[in-house]
Amino acid sequence: MHLVVNLLIQVINLLNILILIWCLLSWFSQINWREQPFLALDKIVGSIMNPLRGIIPPIGNVDITPMLVMILLQMIERLLITLS
């Protein structure tokens, strides 16, 4: 059981890092998101954030979905640690 929990925690940490990298790269307009490795990064992060984007509107012109997804992932991680 601890092996599964540790694996899930590592996946959550990896997703948090990928979301952070995606956010930082989104500030650079010269990045072509249709080329690798940016396409793969966009598909991974987009598949997590797109369902919430329909629910959570941007505040002004700022998309807060990445921040909320990272908070949600950290809450899931803490829940897994508590339950293990």
N, C-alpha and C. Protein backbone atom coordinates (compact mmCIF):
# COMPACT_ATOMS: atom_id res chain seq x y z
N MET A 1 0.82 -1.20 0.00
CA MET A 1 0.00 0.00 0.00
C MET A 1 0.86 1.26 0.00
N HIS A 2 1.94 1.22 0.78
CA HIS A 2 2.81 2.39 0.84
C HIS A 2 3.49 2.64 -0.50
N LEU A 3 3.74 1.59 -1.25
CA LEU A 3 4.37 1.74 -2.56
C LEU A 3 3.44 2.49 -3.51
N VAL A 4 2.16 2.15 -3.47
CA VAL A 4 1.17 2.82 -4.33
C VAL A 4 1.03 4.28 -3.92
N VAL A 5 0.96 4.55 -2.64
CA VAL A 5 0.83 5.92 -2.15
C VAL A 5 2.07 6.74 -2.53
N ASN A 6 3.25 6.15 -2.35
CA ASN A 6 4.47 6.86 -2.73
C ASN A 6 4.52 7.15 -4.22
N LEU A 7 4.06 6.20 -5.03
CA LEU A 7 4.01 6.41 -6.48
C LEU A 7 3.05 7.55 -6.83
N LEU A 8 1.88 7.55 -6.21
CA LEU A 8 0.91 8.62 -6.46
C LEU A 8 1.44 9.98 -6.02
N ILE A 9 2.14 10.02 -4.92
CA ILE A 9 2.73 11.28 -4.45
C ILE A 9 3.78 11.77 -5.43
N GLN A 10 4.59 10.87 -5.96
CA GLN A 10 5.60 11.26 -6.94
C GLN A 10 4.96 11.77 -8.23
N VAL A 11 3.86 11.16 -8.65
CA VAL A 11 3.14 11.62 -9.84
C VAL A 11 2.56 13.02 -9.60
N ILE A 12 2.01 13.24 -8.44
CA ILE A 12 1.46 14.55 -8.09
C ILE A 12 2.57 15.60 -8.08
N ASN A 13 3.72 15.27 -7.51
CA ASN A 13 4.85 16.21 -7.51
C ASN A 13 5.32 16.52 -8.92
N LEU A 14 5.36 15.50 -9.78
CA LEU A 14 5.75 15.71 -11.17
C LEU A 14 4.75 16.62 -11.89
N LEU A 15 3.47 16.40 -11.65
CA LEU A 15 2.45 17.25 -12.26
C LEU A 15 2.57 18.70 -11.80
N ASN A 16 2.85 18.90 -10.52
CA ASN A 16 3.04 20.27 -10.02
C ASN A 16 4.22 20.94 -10.72
N ILE A 17 5.30 20.21 -10.90
CA ILE A 17 6.48 20.77 -11.58
C ILE A 17 6.14 21.09 -13.04
N LEU A 18 5.43 20.18 -13.71
CA LEU A 18 5.06 20.42 -15.11
C LEU A 18 4.14 21.63 -15.26
N ILE A 19 3.22 21.80 -14.33
CA ILE A 19 2.33 22.97 -14.37
C ILE A 19 3.14 24.25 -14.17
N LEU A 20 4.08 24.23 -13.25
CA LEU A 20 4.92 25.40 -13.01
C LEU A 20 5.75 25.73 -14.25
N ILE A 21 6.34 24.73 -14.86
CA ILE A 21 7.12 24.95 -16.09
C ILE A 21 6.22 25.50 -17.19
N TRP A 22 5.03 24.94 -17.32
CA TRP A 22 4.08 25.39 -18.35
C TRP A 22 3.72 26.86 -18.14
N CYS A 23 3.49 27.24 -16.87
CA CYS A 23 3.15 28.64 -16.56
C CYS A 23 4.31 29.57 -16.91
N LEU A 24 5.52 29.18 -16.56
CA LEU A 24 6.68 30.03 -16.86
C LEU A 24 6.89 30.15 -18.36
N LEU A 25 6.73 29.06 -19.10
CA LEU A 25 6.92 29.10 -20.54
C LEU A 25 5.82 29.89 -21.25
N SER A 26 4.65 29.98 -20.64
CA SER A 26 3.55 30.72 -21.28
C SER A 26 3.84 32.22 -21.36
N TRP A 27 4.80 32.70 -20.61
CA TRP A 27 5.15 34.13 -20.65
C TRP A 27 5.97 34.47 -21.90
N PHE A 28 6.54 33.46 -22.56
CA PHE A 28 7.39 33.70 -23.72
C PHE A 28 6.58 33.48 -24.99
N SER A 29 6.35 34.56 -25.73
CA SER A 29 5.50 34.48 -26.91
C SER A 29 6.18 33.77 -28.10
N GLN A 30 7.50 33.67 -28.10
CA GLN A 30 8.18 33.06 -29.23
C GLN A 30 8.16 31.53 -29.20
N ILE A 31 7.62 30.94 -28.15
CA ILE A 31 7.56 29.48 -28.07
C ILE A 31 6.46 28.97 -28.99
N ASN A 32 6.81 27.99 -29.83
CA ASN A 32 5.84 27.37 -30.71
C ASN A 32 5.28 26.14 -30.00
N TRP A 33 4.03 26.22 -29.55
CA TRP A 33 3.41 25.15 -28.78
C TRP A 33 3.03 23.96 -29.65
N ARG A 34 3.26 24.05 -30.97
CA ARG A 34 2.96 22.93 -31.86
C ARG A 34 4.18 22.05 -32.11
N GLU A 35 5.30 22.35 -31.47
CA GLU A 35 6.52 21.56 -31.61
C GLU A 35 6.83 20.86 -30.30
N GLN A 36 7.56 19.74 -30.43
CA GLN A 36 7.99 19.01 -29.24
C GLN A 36 9.13 19.75 -28.58
N PRO A 37 9.32 19.74 -27.33
CA PRO A 37 8.57 19.07 -26.27
C PRO A 37 7.40 19.89 -25.75
N PHE A 38 7.19 21.07 -26.33
CA PHE A 38 6.14 21.96 -25.83
C PHE A 38 4.75 21.38 -26.08
N LEU A 39 4.58 20.67 -27.19
CA LEU A 39 3.28 20.06 -27.50
C LEU A 39 2.92 19.02 -26.45
N ALA A 40 3.87 18.17 -26.08
CA ALA A 40 3.61 17.15 -25.07
C ALA A 40 3.29 17.79 -23.72
N LEU A 41 4.05 18.81 -23.36
CA LEU A 41 3.81 19.52 -22.11
C LEU A 41 2.42 20.14 -22.10
N ASP A 42 2.04 20.76 -23.20
CA ASP A 42 0.73 21.41 -23.30
C ASP A 42 -0.40 20.39 -23.22
N LYS A 43 -0.21 19.23 -23.82
CA LYS A 43 -1.25 18.19 -23.77
C LYS A 43 -1.41 17.63 -22.36
N ILE A 44 -0.30 17.41 -21.67
CA ILE A 44 -0.37 16.87 -20.31
C ILE A 44 -1.02 17.88 -19.37
N VAL A 45 -0.53 19.09 -19.39
CA VAL A 45 -1.06 20.12 -18.47
C VAL A 45 -2.47 20.53 -18.88
N GLY A 46 -2.71 20.63 -20.18
CA GLY A 46 -4.03 21.02 -20.65
C GLY A 46 -5.11 20.02 -20.29
N SER A 47 -4.76 18.73 -20.31
CA SER A 47 -5.75 17.71 -19.97
C SER A 47 -6.17 17.79 -18.50
N ILE A 48 -5.31 18.35 -17.67
CA ILE A 48 -5.64 18.52 -16.25
C ILE A 48 -6.44 19.80 -16.04
N MET A 49 -6.05 20.87 -16.73
CA MET A 49 -6.65 22.18 -16.45
C MET A 49 -7.90 22.49 -17.27
N ASN A 50 -8.04 21.93 -18.46
CA ASN A 50 -9.18 22.29 -19.31
C ASN A 50 -10.54 22.00 -18.68
N PRO A 51 -10.73 20.89 -17.96
CA PRO A 51 -12.06 20.71 -17.33
C PRO A 51 -12.40 21.81 -16.32
N LEU A 52 -11.39 22.31 -15.61
CA LEU A 52 -11.65 23.36 -14.63
C LEU A 52 -11.79 24.74 -15.27
N ARG A 53 -11.21 24.92 -16.44
CA ARG A 53 -11.32 26.23 -17.11
C ARG A 53 -12.75 26.55 -17.48
N GLY A 54 -13.56 25.53 -17.74
CA GLY A 54 -14.97 25.76 -18.04
C GLY A 54 -15.76 26.19 -16.82
N ILE A 55 -15.26 25.86 -15.64
CA ILE A 55 -15.95 26.18 -14.39
C ILE A 55 -15.44 27.49 -13.80
N ILE A 56 -14.12 27.68 -13.85
CA ILE A 56 -13.48 28.83 -13.21
C ILE A 56 -13.16 29.90 -14.26
N PRO A 57 -13.86 31.02 -14.23
CA PRO A 57 -13.56 32.06 -15.22
C PRO A 57 -12.28 32.82 -14.85
N PRO A 58 -11.62 33.40 -15.86
CA PRO A 58 -10.44 34.22 -15.55
C PRO A 58 -10.84 35.45 -14.74
N ILE A 59 -9.94 35.91 -13.90
CA ILE A 59 -10.15 37.14 -13.14
C ILE A 59 -9.41 38.24 -13.88
N GLY A 60 -10.15 39.17 -14.46
CA GLY A 60 -9.54 40.14 -15.35
C GLY A 60 -9.09 39.38 -16.59
N ASN A 61 -7.82 39.44 -16.92
CA ASN A 61 -7.26 38.63 -17.99
C ASN A 61 -6.30 37.59 -17.45
N VAL A 62 -6.41 37.28 -16.18
CA VAL A 62 -5.49 36.35 -15.53
C VAL A 62 -6.21 35.02 -15.30
N ASP A 63 -5.62 33.95 -15.83
CA ASP A 63 -6.15 32.61 -15.64
C ASP A 63 -5.59 32.05 -14.33
N ILE A 64 -6.46 31.84 -13.36
CA ILE A 64 -6.00 31.34 -12.06
C ILE A 64 -6.12 29.82 -11.96
N THR A 65 -6.52 29.17 -13.04
CA THR A 65 -6.69 27.73 -13.02
C THR A 65 -5.42 26.98 -12.62
N PRO A 66 -4.22 27.34 -13.15
CA PRO A 66 -3.02 26.59 -12.74
C PRO A 66 -2.77 26.65 -11.23
N MET A 67 -2.99 27.79 -10.64
CA MET A 67 -2.78 27.93 -9.20
C MET A 67 -3.77 27.06 -8.43
N LEU A 68 -5.02 27.06 -8.85
CA LEU A 68 -6.02 26.26 -8.16
C LEU A 68 -5.78 24.76 -8.35
N VAL A 69 -5.32 24.36 -9.53
CA VAL A 69 -5.00 22.95 -9.77
C VAL A 69 -3.83 22.53 -8.89
N MET A 70 -2.81 23.37 -8.76
CA MET A 70 -1.67 23.04 -7.92
C MET A 70 -2.09 22.92 -6.45
N ILE A 71 -2.97 23.80 -6.00
CA ILE A 71 -3.48 23.72 -4.62
C ILE A 71 -4.28 22.44 -4.43
N LEU A 72 -5.11 22.11 -5.41
CA LEU A 72 -5.90 20.89 -5.34
C LEU A 72 -5.01 19.65 -5.31
N LEU A 73 -3.97 19.62 -6.14
CA LEU A 73 -3.04 18.50 -6.15
C LEU A 73 -2.31 18.36 -4.81
N GLN A 74 -1.94 19.49 -4.21
CA GLN A 74 -1.27 19.43 -2.91
C GLN A 74 -2.22 18.95 -1.81
N MET A 75 -3.49 19.30 -1.92
CA MET A 75 -4.47 18.81 -0.96
C MET A 75 -4.64 17.30 -1.10
N ILE A 76 -4.67 16.80 -2.32
CA ILE A 76 -4.76 15.36 -2.56
C ILE A 76 -3.52 14.66 -2.02
N GLU A 77 -2.36 15.26 -2.21
CA GLU A 77 -1.12 14.68 -1.69
C GLU A 77 -1.15 14.58 -0.16
N ARG A 78 -1.60 15.63 0.49
CA ARG A 78 -1.68 15.60 1.96
C ARG A 78 -2.70 14.59 2.45
N LEU A 79 -3.80 14.44 1.70
CA LEU A 79 -4.80 13.44 2.06
C LEU A 79 -4.20 12.03 1.94
N LEU A 80 -3.44 11.78 0.88
CA LEU A 80 -2.81 10.48 0.70
C LEU A 80 -1.80 10.19 1.82
N ILE A 81 -1.05 11.22 2.21
CA ILE A 81 -0.07 11.03 3.30
C ILE A 81 -0.80 10.73 4.60
N THR A 82 -1.89 11.42 4.84
CA THR A 82 -2.65 11.21 6.07
C THR A 82 -3.27 9.82 6.12
N LEU A 83 -3.79 9.36 5.00
CA LEU A 83 -4.47 8.06 4.96
C LEU A 83 -3.50 6.88 4.95
N SER A 84 -2.24 7.12 4.62
CA SER A 84 -1.30 5.99 4.55
C SER A 84 -0.70 5.65 5.89
